[in-house]
Every structure is written in C-alpha cells, then in structure tokens.
Amino acid sequence: MSYEDDAKAAEIAGHAKAVAAPVYKFEEVGQSVLGIITSVKEIRSDETDDTFSVYAMKTDAGVIQFAAGMVLANIVAEALLMNRLIRITYEGQADTRKGNRVNQYTVIDYTTGTEYTDAEDA
C-alpha cells in the first residue's frame, strides 16, 4: 500500500484532520469575526515586498487564521489586544496618500468596551 492509499483510507475512516487552521477572508463590508487572537506572524510578500500579518484567532467555531495589513496590525499592537475578546469588522477599502488601496476595519475590545476604527484611534 502507498502513502496515498494510507492517506485516503484515513480520510474515509474519519481519522484524518487538517493540521492548519482554515483561512478566513474578509470580502464583504460588515463581515466580522469574534474571538481571541492567540498569535500573529509578520510575513513579507515575495511579490510586492510588503509586510503583512497573519493572525490565529480562537472563535466559537474553532481556530481560524487570516491575513491583514498594517492598519489592523497597528490597532492590535498599539491597543494590546492579544488574548482579549475582540470583534473585527471589515469596513471596505480606502485610498492612501500614495494611491494604494488598504483594507479598513473596526475593532471592538470587549474587555474595555473600546472601539477602534483605525490605527490613530489605538
């Protein structure tokens, strides 16, 4: 029996589980997630040389991961939101002074009741 056969047999028997958390994508304005951010990794894109953050978040549905740019990273870092119950809501895109498009978010910290709408609020 090959490794591929073993893997298929494990999947059919229900013994195989995904090791990585599913990736959550913010696509529609108003879309949100509620949970606790447990880790963040800084990643540099090979294509654009931009830096972005990949978050792991515990939610009622299990652990998810999602990527976000500097606006959300600044809110999380400056407001010390790691390991606190928060809701992140996607607010759409805005143009920067350089003409780039960035995603905008609202973050509610349920520990303090504080709402953050951009990095300057944090």
Protein backbone atom coordinates (compact mmCIF):
# COMPACT_ATOMS: atom_id res chain seq x y z
CA MET A 1 0.00 0.00 0.00
CA SER A 2 1.28 3.50 -0.86
CA TYR A 3 1.27 6.62 1.31
CA GLU A 4 -1.51 7.97 -0.90
CA ASP A 5 -3.59 4.83 -0.23
CA ASP A 6 -2.94 5.16 3.52
CA ALA A 7 -4.00 8.81 3.46
CA LYS A 8 -7.21 8.08 1.55
CA ALA A 9 -8.08 5.21 3.92
CA ALA A 10 -7.55 7.52 6.93
CA GLU A 11 -9.76 10.21 5.36
CA ILE A 12 -12.55 7.71 4.63
CA ALA A 13 -12.35 6.33 8.17
CA GLY A 14 -12.53 9.86 9.60
CA HIS A 15 -9.07 9.66 11.16
CA ALA A 16 -7.50 12.48 9.14
CA LYS A 17 -7.72 16.09 10.33
CA ALA A 18 -6.40 19.32 8.87
CA VAL A 19 -3.31 20.47 10.72
CA ALA A 20 -3.53 24.12 9.67
CA ALA A 21 -6.41 26.33 10.72
CA PRO A 22 -8.76 27.29 7.89
CA VAL A 23 -8.10 30.68 6.28
CA TYR A 24 -10.82 33.28 6.83
CA LYS A 25 -11.18 36.01 4.20
CA PHE A 26 -12.76 39.41 4.75
CA GLU A 27 -14.62 40.04 1.48
CA GLU A 28 -17.88 41.86 2.20
CA VAL A 29 -18.35 45.13 4.09
CA GLY A 30 -19.81 44.36 7.52
CA GLN A 31 -18.34 40.86 7.67
CA SER A 32 -16.88 40.18 11.12
CA VAL A 33 -15.22 37.63 13.38
CA LEU A 34 -15.46 37.37 17.16
CA GLY A 35 -12.80 35.68 19.21
CA ILE A 36 -9.39 35.87 20.83
CA ILE A 37 -6.21 36.47 18.83
CA THR A 38 -3.70 33.92 20.07
CA SER A 39 -0.76 34.58 17.76
CA VAL A 40 0.48 36.84 15.00
CA LYS A 41 3.27 36.34 12.47
CA GLU A 42 4.80 39.03 10.31
CA ILE A 43 5.23 37.89 6.69
CA ARG A 44 6.93 39.66 3.79
CA SER A 45 5.40 39.17 0.35
CA ASP A 46 7.86 37.91 -2.25
CA GLU A 47 5.81 39.58 -4.98
CA THR A 48 5.41 43.09 -3.58
CA ASP A 49 7.99 43.19 -0.75
CA ASP A 50 5.17 44.47 1.52
CA THR A 51 4.81 43.21 5.08
CA PHE A 52 1.53 41.86 6.38
CA SER A 53 0.38 39.97 9.45
CA VAL A 54 -1.15 36.51 9.69
CA TYR A 55 -3.30 36.04 12.79
CA ALA A 56 -4.56 32.93 14.55
CA MET A 57 -7.85 33.51 16.36
CA LYS A 58 -9.90 31.22 18.61
CA THR A 59 -13.60 31.51 17.74
CA ASP A 60 -16.71 29.58 18.74
CA ALA A 61 -16.31 27.58 15.51
CA GLY A 62 -12.66 26.73 16.25
CA VAL A 63 -9.32 28.27 15.37
CA ILE A 64 -9.11 30.32 12.17
CA GLN A 65 -6.32 32.28 10.56
CA PHE A 66 -6.48 35.43 8.46
CA ALA A 67 -4.12 37.91 6.88
CA ALA A 68 -4.30 41.65 7.34
CA GLY A 69 -2.19 44.66 6.52
CA MET A 70 -0.63 47.34 8.66
CA VAL A 71 -3.83 49.19 9.64
CA LEU A 72 -5.17 46.21 11.58
CA ALA A 73 -1.68 45.25 12.80
CA ASN A 74 -1.25 48.73 14.29
CA ILE A 75 -4.60 48.57 16.06
CA VAL A 76 -3.86 45.15 17.57
CA ALA A 77 -0.32 46.09 18.61
CA GLU A 78 -0.99 49.58 19.97
CA ALA A 79 -4.12 48.61 21.89
CA LEU A 80 -2.53 45.41 23.27
CA LEU A 81 -5.42 43.26 22.02
CA MET A 82 -3.68 39.86 22.07
CA ASN A 83 -5.54 37.27 24.18
CA ARG A 84 -8.59 39.52 24.68
CA LEU A 85 -12.12 39.04 23.35
CA ILE A 86 -12.49 41.25 20.27
CA ARG A 87 -14.69 41.62 17.21
CA ILE A 88 -13.05 42.61 13.93
CA THR A 89 -15.39 44.04 11.28
CA TYR A 90 -14.34 44.69 7.70
CA GLU A 91 -15.30 48.24 6.62
CA GLY A 92 -14.15 48.13 2.99
CA GLN A 93 -11.19 49.77 1.30
CA ALA A 94 -9.78 53.30 1.31
CA ASP A 95 -7.13 55.06 -0.77
CA THR A 96 -3.82 56.03 0.85
CA ARG A 97 -1.96 59.26 0.09
CA LYS A 98 0.31 57.22 -2.19
CA GLY A 99 -2.69 56.00 -4.18
CA ASN A 100 -2.70 52.44 -2.81
CA ARG A 101 -5.84 50.69 -1.57
CA VAL A 102 -5.90 49.46 2.04
CA ASN A 103 -8.48 47.47 3.94
CA GLN A 104 -10.24 49.28 6.79
CA TYR A 105 -11.52 47.59 9.96
CA THR A 106 -13.39 48.39 13.14
CA VAL A 107 -12.19 46.52 16.21
CA ILE A 108 -14.20 46.28 19.43
CA ASP A 109 -12.37 45.26 22.60
CA TYR A 110 -14.99 43.63 24.83
CA THR A 111 -12.65 43.73 27.83
CA THR A 112 -12.70 47.54 27.94
CA GLY A 113 -15.66 48.34 25.67
CA THR A 114 -13.36 50.41 23.45
CA GLU A 115 -13.95 50.67 19.69
CA TYR A 116 -11.04 51.32 17.32
CA THR A 117 -11.66 52.42 13.74
CA ASP A 118 -8.12 53.00 12.52
CA ALA A 119 -4.52 52.93 13.76
CA GLU A 120 -4.70 56.52 15.04
CA ASP A 121 -7.50 55.60 17.46
CA ALA A 122 -5.43 52.89 19.16
